[in-house]
Structure formats: C-alpha cells, structure tokens
Amino acid sequence: MFYDRGLPTANLNNAAEGLRSNVAWAYGVDPEAYWAVGDTFNLGSAGTYGINDFRVWVVGAVPSTLTLWGGGTTDPATINPIASTVSVQLAAYNDPAQPLETTYQGYLGPYRNIYQVDFLNLNWTVNGNQDYSFFVTGVAGQTGPFLHASNAALSGSPQQGSDNQMLWAGFDPGITAVADFGVWDSNAPNTWDKSSDINVQIFAATPEPGSILLFGTLLVGVGAIVRKRKSA
C-alpha cells in the first residue's frame, strides 16, 4: 500500500456523539448536470508509479455503474475516466472497542451497509510527488454514491494526505465530461460540524520504463456549486 487514508478506527457513528469521526457525502440530483464528490492525493515519494488498485468506501446503495475519474488538480481538462475492473464487497470497521461495528449509522439513526469498492487493473501512471484529484460517479440522473469520509483528528487511524478539504465536480448530464470542479470544506453551515476527507487507499508499483502511458483529452464546459448533502 502506497497511500493510506483508510477507514477510521475510533469515534464511530452516533455513539461517539460530538466526537464522531465518520461521515458520508453525496450530491442531490440536478436535471442539468451530474455532481460528484472527490478529493486529492499525493503519494509523497519521488518517482513514477503505476496505480493498480484504488480503494474507496460507499455507504448504502451502490450504483449499478461506478466509474473512477482522475487527473490534475487545477484543470478540468486533465480529469478523465480511468478504465478499471470494479470489485464491491461488504466492509467492516477495524475498531477493537466496537467489534460489531460493521455498518454506517446515519445522523438520523438508521444503519446502512458500508461497501469496500476497489477499482482494479488500472492503467493510471502518476508522478509520486504530484497532487492528483479523483472523483467517483454512478448513474446519470441518479444521486451519486455516498463516499465515506472522516475527520483526521478523530479517526484513530493513518489519514495520509488529509487537509480537511474535499473536491466537488460538475459533469455534463450524461457523465461523459467534467465541466468544472473546486474545493470545499465540510465544516460549514448546513453540512457538518467538522472538516473531513474522503477515505481512500492506493496500491501502486513502479512501472517498467516502456509501460508509461500518457492520457488526457480536452474537455470544456461550465458548472456551478450545488448544495452538499450528508447521508441521512
């Protein structure tokens, strides 16, 4: 594992009350655009690496189609879908104090399954010292997947690269191009009382010199920030 901002292991769900560490984020449906939650990562090690497994966690219903998008952090034109094989399985928190904590509890009380989603067999080559952005999309016309996130200070687990900020992206309605994206902090009115980062783990290897590929096409569009919604 080259990057570990995995699930929290402390202060989980409503039992933690004001010290709760975990949360899940998605965007509401917009007929004129599709909105996705994302974040950034930096492997923090000099060299060129081939990412072969990119892992996130989805709370509640998993869309029938999941797509990982990735690219630079300043230009929407660099963000493209990354071909992969998607693996979905039930997940559990590794919390010794709460061994039966296998589900996510919404802030209104109901419990929902939490799923580990692995994007496998990627062809994504990155510079180990460069910042990258990522987003996960679902099905056009539907609410996107609720991505699990946590507050780094309360997580009780390694939260590599956490900066208390996340990303939003606006796609065209058919989810074929990124129109715009930006930064937001969940510690704001009408969202949550803490900052958070999307939980992610990245498995990578140094590629052979001849296997390094460049990808990217020009994508142009417009977007607007929409209301962020916390899992109920």
C-alpha atoms as a PDB file:
ATOM      1  CA  MET A   1       0.000   0.000   0.000  1.00  0.00           C
ATOM      2  CA  PHE A   2       1.464   3.352  -1.073  1.00  0.00           C
ATOM      3  CA  TYR A   3      -1.214   5.605   0.360  1.00  0.00           C
ATOM      4  CA  ASP A   4      -3.338   5.025   3.450  1.00  0.00           C
ATOM      5  CA  ARG A   5      -6.248   7.271   4.322  1.00  0.00           C
ATOM      6  CA  GLY A   6      -8.434   4.322   5.192  1.00  0.00           C
ATOM      7  CA  LEU A   7     -11.494   3.907   7.372  1.00  0.00           C
ATOM      8  CA  PRO A   8     -11.432   5.422  10.852  1.00  0.00           C
ATOM      9  CA  THR A   9     -10.979   3.088  13.814  1.00  0.00           C
ATOM     10  CA  ALA A  10     -12.272   5.296  16.619  1.00  0.00           C
ATOM     11  CA  ASN A  11     -15.199   7.567  17.485  1.00  0.00           C
ATOM     12  CA  LEU A  12     -17.555   5.836  15.090  1.00  0.00           C
ATOM     13  CA  ASN A  13     -21.188   6.595  14.354  1.00  0.00           C
ATOM     14  CA  ASN A  14     -23.691   8.306  16.646  1.00  0.00           C
ATOM     15  CA  ALA A  15     -22.404   6.553  19.763  1.00  0.00           C
ATOM     16  CA  ALA A  16     -19.433   8.914  19.637  1.00  0.00           C
ATOM     17  CA  GLU A  17     -21.804  11.895  19.795  1.00  0.00           C
ATOM     18  CA  GLY A  18     -19.866  15.161  19.412  1.00  0.00           C
ATOM     19  CA  LEU A  19     -16.594  13.286  18.845  1.00  0.00           C
ATOM     20  CA  ARG A  20     -17.970  11.307  15.910  1.00  0.00           C
ATOM     21  CA  SER A  21     -15.244  10.787  13.301  1.00  0.00           C
ATOM     22  CA  ASN A  22     -17.112   9.391  10.291  1.00  0.00           C
ATOM     23  CA  VAL A  23     -19.496  10.837   7.742  1.00  0.00           C
ATOM     24  CA  ALA A  24     -20.640  10.145   4.156  1.00  0.00           C
ATOM     25  CA  TRP A  25     -21.136  12.597   1.302  1.00  0.00           C
ATOM     26  CA  ALA A  26     -23.013  12.815  -1.977  1.00  0.00           C
ATOM     27  CA  TYR A  27     -24.846  15.455  -4.017  1.00  0.00           C
ATOM     28  CA  GLY A  28     -28.501  15.867  -4.840  1.00  0.00           C
ATOM     29  CA  VAL A  29     -29.900  15.193  -8.314  1.00  0.00           C
ATOM     30  CA  ASP A  30     -29.736  18.057 -10.802  1.00  0.00           C
ATOM     31  CA  PRO A  31     -31.505  17.631 -14.182  1.00  0.00           C
ATOM     32  CA  GLU A  32     -28.977  19.893 -15.888  1.00  0.00           C
ATOM     33  CA  ALA A  33     -25.774  18.327 -14.560  1.00  0.00           C
ATOM     34  CA  TYR A  34     -24.317  15.460 -12.584  1.00  0.00           C
ATOM     35  CA  TRP A  35     -22.377  16.252  -9.424  1.00  0.00           C
ATOM     36  CA  ALA A  36     -19.732  14.098  -7.755  1.00  0.00           C
ATOM     37  CA  VAL A  37     -17.728  14.153  -4.545  1.00  0.00           C
ATOM     38  CA  GLY A  38     -13.960  13.779  -4.692  1.00  0.00           C
ATOM     39  CA  ASP A  39     -10.654  14.599  -3.064  1.00  0.00           C
ATOM     40  CA  THR A  40      -6.921  14.821  -3.689  1.00  0.00           C
ATOM     41  CA  PHE A  41      -3.913  12.595  -3.070  1.00  0.00           C
ATOM     42  CA  ASN A  42      -0.140  12.774  -3.357  1.00  0.00           C
ATOM     43  CA  LEU A  43       1.932   9.609  -2.955  1.00  0.00           C
ATOM     44  CA  GLY A  44       4.718  11.708  -1.439  1.00  0.00           C
ATOM     45  CA  SER A  45       7.554   9.733  -2.935  1.00  0.00           C
ATOM     46  CA  ALA A  46       9.788  10.681  -5.851  1.00  0.00           C
ATOM     47  CA  GLY A  47       9.425   8.582  -8.982  1.00  0.00           C
ATOM     48  CA  THR A  48       6.788   7.378 -11.396  1.00  0.00           C
ATOM     49  CA  TYR A  49       4.250   4.834 -10.207  1.00  0.00           C
ATOM     50  CA  GLY A  50       1.534   2.737 -11.773  1.00  0.00           C
ATOM     51  CA  ILE A  51      -1.610   2.612  -9.635  1.00  0.00           C
ATOM     52  CA  ASN A  52      -3.177  -0.837  -9.835  1.00  0.00           C
ATOM     53  CA  ASP A  53      -5.790  -0.710  -7.036  1.00  0.00           C
ATOM     54  CA  PHE A  54      -7.682   2.395  -5.939  1.00  0.00           C
ATOM     55  CA  ARG A  55      -9.977   1.785  -2.936  1.00  0.00           C
ATOM     56  CA  VAL A  56     -12.839   3.851  -1.532  1.00  0.00           C
ATOM     57  CA  TRP A  57     -15.906   3.030   0.565  1.00  0.00           C
ATOM     58  CA  VAL A  58     -19.561   3.576  -0.361  1.00  0.00           C
ATOM     59  CA  VAL A  59     -22.337   3.874   2.222  1.00  0.00           C
ATOM     60  CA  GLY A  60     -25.790   2.482   1.432  1.00  0.00           C
ATOM     61  CA  ALA A  61     -26.915   1.640  -2.093  1.00  0.00           C
ATOM     62  CA  VAL A  62     -24.135   1.033  -4.608  1.00  0.00           C
ATOM     63  CA  PRO A  63     -24.976   2.288  -8.125  1.00  0.00           C
ATOM     64  CA  SER A  64     -25.042  -0.357 -10.841  1.00  0.00           C
ATOM     65  CA  THR A  65     -22.251   1.535 -12.594  1.00  0.00           C
ATOM     66  CA  LEU A  66     -19.265   3.049 -10.799  1.00  0.00           C
ATOM     67  CA  THR A  67     -16.543   4.991 -12.566  1.00  0.00           C
ATOM     68  CA  LEU A  68     -13.293   6.369 -11.200  1.00  0.00           C
ATOM     69  CA  TRP A  69     -12.161   9.700 -12.662  1.00  0.00           C
ATOM     70  CA  GLY A  70      -8.703  11.118 -12.077  1.00  0.00           C
ATOM     71  CA  GLY A  71      -6.292  13.802 -13.175  1.00  0.00           C
ATOM     72  CA  GLY A  72      -4.662  17.059 -12.207  1.00  0.00           C
ATOM     73  CA  THR A  73      -5.825  19.468  -9.559  1.00  0.00           C
ATOM     74  CA  THR A  74      -6.041  22.738 -11.481  1.00  0.00           C
ATOM     75  CA  ASP A  75      -7.581  21.992 -14.882  1.00  0.00           C
ATOM     76  CA  PRO A  76     -10.823  20.044 -15.565  1.00  0.00           C
ATOM     77  CA  ALA A  77      -9.410  19.059 -18.955  1.00  0.00           C
ATOM     78  CA  THR A  78      -6.988  16.695 -17.203  1.00  0.00           C
ATOM     79  CA  ILE A  79      -9.728  14.717 -15.411  1.00  0.00           C
ATOM     80  CA  ASN A  80     -10.766  11.623 -17.339  1.00  0.00           C
ATOM     81  CA  PRO A  81     -12.451   8.280 -16.666  1.00  0.00           C
ATOM     82  CA  ILE A  82      -9.929   5.596 -15.804  1.00  0.00           C
ATOM     83  CA  ALA A  83     -10.655   2.134 -17.153  1.00  0.00           C
ATOM     84  CA  SER A  84     -10.843  -0.484 -14.422  1.00  0.00           C
ATOM     85  CA  THR A  85     -12.467  -3.623 -13.112  1.00  0.00           C
ATOM     86  CA  VAL A  86     -14.767  -2.801 -10.197  1.00  0.00           C
ATOM     87  CA  SER A  87     -14.957  -5.075  -7.131  1.00  0.00           C
ATOM     88  CA  VAL A  88     -17.597  -4.455  -4.436  1.00  0.00           C
ATOM     89  CA  GLN A  89     -17.785  -6.250  -1.082  1.00  0.00           C
ATOM     90  CA  LEU A  90     -19.249  -5.622   2.350  1.00  0.00           C
ATOM     91  CA  ALA A  91     -16.823  -3.895   4.689  1.00  0.00           C
ATOM     92  CA  ALA A  92     -16.399  -3.500   8.436  1.00  0.00           C
ATOM     93  CA  TYR A  93     -14.632  -1.011  10.658  1.00  0.00           C
ATOM     94  CA  ASN A  94     -11.495  -2.280  12.369  1.00  0.00           C
ATOM     95  CA  ASP A  95     -12.370  -0.942  15.807  1.00  0.00           C
ATOM     96  CA  PRO A  96     -11.261  -3.131  18.750  1.00  0.00           C
ATOM     97  CA  ALA A  97     -13.540  -1.199  21.097  1.00  0.00           C
ATOM     98  CA  GLN A  98     -16.609  -1.843  18.935  1.00  0.00           C
ATOM     99  CA  PRO A  99     -16.072  -5.248  17.271  1.00  0.00           C
ATOM    100  CA  LEU A 100     -19.615  -5.427  15.887  1.00  0.00           C
ATOM    101  CA  GLU A 101     -19.407  -2.056  14.157  1.00  0.00           C
ATOM    102  CA  THR A 102     -19.939  -3.218  10.577  1.00  0.00           C
ATOM    103  CA  THR A 103     -22.375  -0.590   9.354  1.00  0.00           C
ATOM    104  CA  TYR A 104     -22.628   3.142   8.987  1.00  0.00           C
ATOM    105  CA  GLN A 105     -25.175   4.951  11.128  1.00  0.00           C
ATOM    106  CA  GLY A 106     -26.791   7.957   9.532  1.00  0.00           C
ATOM    107  CA  TYR A 107     -27.189  11.063  11.640  1.00  0.00           C
ATOM    108  CA  LEU A 108     -30.960  10.416  11.832  1.00  0.00           C
ATOM    109  CA  GLY A 109     -30.354   6.948  13.298  1.00  0.00           C
ATOM    110  CA  PRO A 110     -30.816   4.264  10.578  1.00  0.00           C
ATOM    111  CA  TYR A 111     -27.950   1.872   9.896  1.00  0.00           C
ATOM    112  CA  ARG A 112     -26.726   1.227   6.361  1.00  0.00           C
ATOM    113  CA  ASN A 113     -24.246  -1.224   4.916  1.00  0.00           C
ATOM    114  CA  ILE A 114     -20.804   0.052   4.062  1.00  0.00           C
ATOM    115  CA  TYR A 115     -19.098  -1.366   0.991  1.00  0.00           C
ATOM    116  CA  GLN A 116     -15.448  -1.531   0.054  1.00  0.00           C
ATOM    117  CA  VAL A 117     -15.075  -0.584  -3.610  1.00  0.00           C
ATOM    118  CA  ASP A 118     -11.840  -1.488  -5.386  1.00  0.00           C
ATOM    119  CA  PHE A 119     -11.055  -0.136  -8.828  1.00  0.00           C
ATOM    120  CA  LEU A 120      -8.680  -2.833 -10.075  1.00  0.00           C
ATOM    121  CA  ASN A 121      -6.405  -3.339 -13.093  1.00  0.00           C
ATOM    122  CA  LEU A 122      -5.949   0.386 -13.575  1.00  0.00           C
ATOM    123  CA  ASN A 123      -3.755   1.913 -16.223  1.00  0.00           C
ATOM    124  CA  TRP A 124      -3.040   5.095 -14.245  1.00  0.00           C
ATOM    125  CA  THR A 125       0.540   6.303 -14.127  1.00  0.00           C
ATOM    126  CA  VAL A 126       1.308   9.115 -11.692  1.00  0.00           C
ATOM    127  CA  ASN A 127       4.245  11.191 -10.546  1.00  0.00           C
ATOM    128  CA  GLY A 128       4.848  10.344  -6.899  1.00  0.00           C
ATOM    129  CA  ASN A 129       5.426  13.971  -5.910  1.00  0.00           C
ATOM    130  CA  GLN A 130       2.455  15.489  -7.740  1.00  0.00           C
ATOM    131  CA  ASP A 131      -1.038  16.279  -6.459  1.00  0.00           C
ATOM    132  CA  TYR A 132      -3.906  14.472  -8.196  1.00  0.00           C
ATOM    133  CA  SER A 133      -7.659  14.698  -7.948  1.00  0.00           C
ATOM    134  CA  PHE A 134     -10.204  11.873  -8.062  1.00  0.00           C
ATOM    135  CA  PHE A 135     -13.979  11.518  -8.253  1.00  0.00           C
ATOM    136  CA  VAL A 136     -16.360   8.563  -8.251  1.00  0.00           C
ATOM    137  CA  THR A 137     -19.519   8.713 -10.360  1.00  0.00           C
ATOM    138  CA  GLY A 138     -22.561   6.472 -10.583  1.00  0.00           C
ATOM    139  CA  VAL A 139     -25.562   6.510 -12.937  1.00  0.00           C
ATOM    140  CA  ALA A 140     -26.728   9.596 -14.827  1.00  0.00           C
ATOM    141  CA  GLY A 141     -29.926  11.071 -13.422  1.00  0.00           C
ATOM    142  CA  GLN A 142     -29.446   9.479 -10.002  1.00  0.00           C
ATOM    143  CA  THR A 143     -27.845  10.634  -6.764  1.00  0.00           C
ATOM    144  CA  GLY A 144     -24.182   9.717  -6.811  1.00  0.00           C
ATOM    145  CA  PRO A 145     -22.587   7.205  -4.444  1.00  0.00           C
ATOM    146  CA  PHE A 146     -22.229   8.335  -0.825  1.00  0.00           C
ATOM    147  CA  LEU A 147     -18.463   8.242  -0.297  1.00  0.00           C
ATOM    148  CA  HIS A 148     -17.267   7.556   3.245  1.00  0.00           C
ATOM    149  CA  ALA A 149     -15.119  10.276   4.809  1.00  0.00           C
ATOM    150  CA  SER A 150     -13.653  11.019   8.211  1.00  0.00           C
ATOM    151  CA  ASN A 151     -12.215  13.779  10.334  1.00  0.00           C
ATOM    152  CA  ALA A 152      -8.469  13.153  10.558  1.00  0.00           C
ATOM    153  CA  ALA A 153      -8.044  14.295  14.161  1.00  0.00           C
ATOM    154  CA  LEU A 154     -10.705  11.902  15.457  1.00  0.00           C
ATOM    155  CA  SER A 155     -10.169   8.922  13.121  1.00  0.00           C
ATOM    156  CA  GLY A 156      -7.692   6.972  15.228  1.00  0.00           C
ATOM    157  CA  SER A 157      -6.050   5.623  12.050  1.00  0.00           C
ATOM    158  CA  PRO A 158      -3.484   6.846   9.491  1.00  0.00           C
ATOM    159  CA  GLN A 159      -5.009   9.644   7.449  1.00  0.00           C
ATOM    160  CA  GLN A 160      -2.257  10.245   4.934  1.00  0.00           C
ATOM    161  CA  GLY A 161      -2.604  13.443   2.970  1.00  0.00           C
ATOM    162  CA  SER A 162      -5.611  14.741   4.904  1.00  0.00           C
ATOM    163  CA  ASP A 163      -6.019  18.502   4.573  1.00  0.00           C
ATOM    164  CA  ASN A 164      -9.585  18.999   5.863  1.00  0.00           C
ATOM    165  CA  GLN A 165     -10.816  19.771   2.359  1.00  0.00           C
ATOM    166  CA  MET A 166     -12.588  17.852  -0.371  1.00  0.00           C
ATOM    167  CA  LEU A 167     -13.496  18.426  -4.021  1.00  0.00           C
ATOM    168  CA  TRP A 168     -16.736  18.792  -5.964  1.00  0.00           C
ATOM    169  CA  ALA A 169     -17.067  18.247  -9.705  1.00  0.00           C
ATOM    170  CA  GLY A 170     -19.784  19.115 -12.173  1.00  0.00           C
ATOM    171  CA  PHE A 171     -20.202  16.779 -15.140  1.00  0.00           C
ATOM    172  CA  ASP A 172     -22.411  17.043 -18.172  1.00  0.00           C
ATOM    173  CA  PRO A 173     -25.759  15.244 -17.591  1.00  0.00           C
ATOM    174  CA  GLY A 174     -24.535  12.104 -19.361  1.00  0.00           C
ATOM    175  CA  ILE A 175     -21.361  11.939 -17.226  1.00  0.00           C
ATOM    176  CA  THR A 176     -19.073  11.959 -20.242  1.00  0.00           C
ATOM    177  CA  ALA A 177     -17.066  15.087 -19.442  1.00  0.00           C
ATOM    178  CA  VAL A 178     -16.054  17.229 -16.472  1.00  0.00           C
ATOM    179  CA  ALA A 179     -17.323  20.793 -16.735  1.00  0.00           C
ATOM    180  CA  ASP A 180     -15.774  22.283 -13.632  1.00  0.00           C
ATOM    181  CA  PHE A 181     -14.577  21.455 -10.137  1.00  0.00           C
ATOM    182  CA  GLY A 182     -13.471  23.131  -6.943  1.00  0.00           C
ATOM    183  CA  VAL A 183     -12.625  22.788  -3.261  1.00  0.00           C
ATOM    184  CA  TRP A 184     -15.000  22.734  -0.283  1.00  0.00           C
ATOM    185  CA  ASP A 185     -14.797  22.223   3.474  1.00  0.00           C
ATOM    186  CA  SER A 186     -17.474  20.145   5.218  1.00  0.00           C
ATOM    187  CA  ASN A 187     -17.132  22.270   8.363  1.00  0.00           C
ATOM    188  CA  ALA A 188     -19.693  24.771   7.165  1.00  0.00           C
ATOM    189  CA  PRO A 189     -23.363  25.709   7.653  1.00  0.00           C
ATOM    190  CA  ASN A 190     -25.869  23.062   6.525  1.00  0.00           C
ATOM    191  CA  THR A 191     -23.217  20.349   6.173  1.00  0.00           C
ATOM    192  CA  TRP A 192     -21.298  19.034   9.221  1.00  0.00           C
ATOM    193  CA  ASP A 193     -19.622  20.449  12.316  1.00  0.00           C
ATOM    194  CA  LYS A 194     -16.192  19.101  11.305  1.00  0.00           C
ATOM    195  CA  SER A 195     -13.858  19.097   8.345  1.00  0.00           C
ATOM    196  CA  SER A 196     -13.416  15.757   6.572  1.00  0.00           C
ATOM    197  CA  ASP A 197     -11.509  13.955   3.823  1.00  0.00           C
ATOM    198  CA  ILE A 198     -12.644  11.077   1.623  1.00  0.00           C
ATOM    199  CA  ASN A 199     -11.219   7.764   2.867  1.00  0.00           C
ATOM    200  CA  VAL A 200      -9.009   6.153   0.253  1.00  0.00           C
ATOM    201  CA  GLN A 201      -6.230   3.581  -0.035  1.00  0.00           C
ATOM    202  CA  ILE A 202      -3.935   3.283  -3.041  1.00  0.00           C
ATOM    203  CA  PHE A 203      -1.828   0.321  -4.107  1.00  0.00           C
ATOM    204  CA  ALA A 204       0.853   1.044  -6.691  1.00  0.00           C
ATOM    205  CA  ALA A 205       4.064  -0.261  -8.238  1.00  0.00           C
ATOM    206  CA  THR A 206       6.942   1.261 -10.169  1.00  0.00           C
ATOM    207  CA  PRO A 207       6.151   0.553 -13.841  1.00  0.00           C
ATOM    208  CA  GLU A 208       8.565  -0.702 -16.450  1.00  0.00           C
ATOM    209  CA  PRO A 209      10.040   2.193 -18.473  1.00  0.00           C
ATOM    210  CA  GLY A 210       8.239   1.171 -21.631  1.00  0.00           C
ATOM    211  CA  SER A 211       4.834   0.885 -19.985  1.00  0.00           C
ATOM    212  CA  ILE A 212       4.345   4.540 -19.043  1.00  0.00           C
ATOM    213  CA  LEU A 213       1.339   5.953 -20.891  1.00  0.00           C
ATOM    214  CA  LEU A 214       0.003   9.463 -21.231  1.00  0.00           C
ATOM    215  CA  PHE A 215      -3.708  10.040 -21.300  1.00  0.00           C
ATOM    216  CA  GLY A 216      -5.897  13.119 -21.463  1.00  0.00           C
ATOM    217  CA  THR A 217      -8.253  14.886 -23.822  1.00  0.00           C
ATOM    218  CA  LEU A 218      -9.618  18.401 -23.852  1.00  0.00           C
ATOM    219  CA  LEU A 219     -12.956  18.667 -22.081  1.00  0.00           C
ATOM    220  CA  VAL A 220     -14.718  22.006 -21.921  1.00  0.00           C
ATOM    221  CA  GLY A 221     -17.864  23.020 -20.066  1.00  0.00           C
ATOM    222  CA  VAL A 222     -19.387  25.049 -17.304  1.00  0.00           C
ATOM    223  CA  GLY A 223     -20.556  24.164 -13.808  1.00  0.00           C
ATOM    224  CA  ALA A 224     -21.864  25.581 -10.570  1.00  0.00           C
ATOM    225  CA  ILE A 225     -21.552  24.559  -6.961  1.00  0.00           C
ATOM    226  CA  VAL A 226     -24.680  22.824  -5.690  1.00  0.00           C
ATOM    227  CA  ARG A 227     -25.905  22.057  -2.211  1.00  0.00           C
ATOM    228  CA  LYS A 228     -23.866  19.379  -0.495  1.00  0.00           C
ATOM    229  CA  ARG A 229     -25.810  16.679   1.293  1.00  0.00           C
ATOM    230  CA  LYS A 230     -24.836  14.477   4.220  1.00  0.00           C
ATOM    231  CA  SER A 231     -26.047  10.888   4.479  1.00  0.00           C
ATOM    232  CA  ALA A 232     -29.251  10.867   6.499  1.00  0.00           C
END
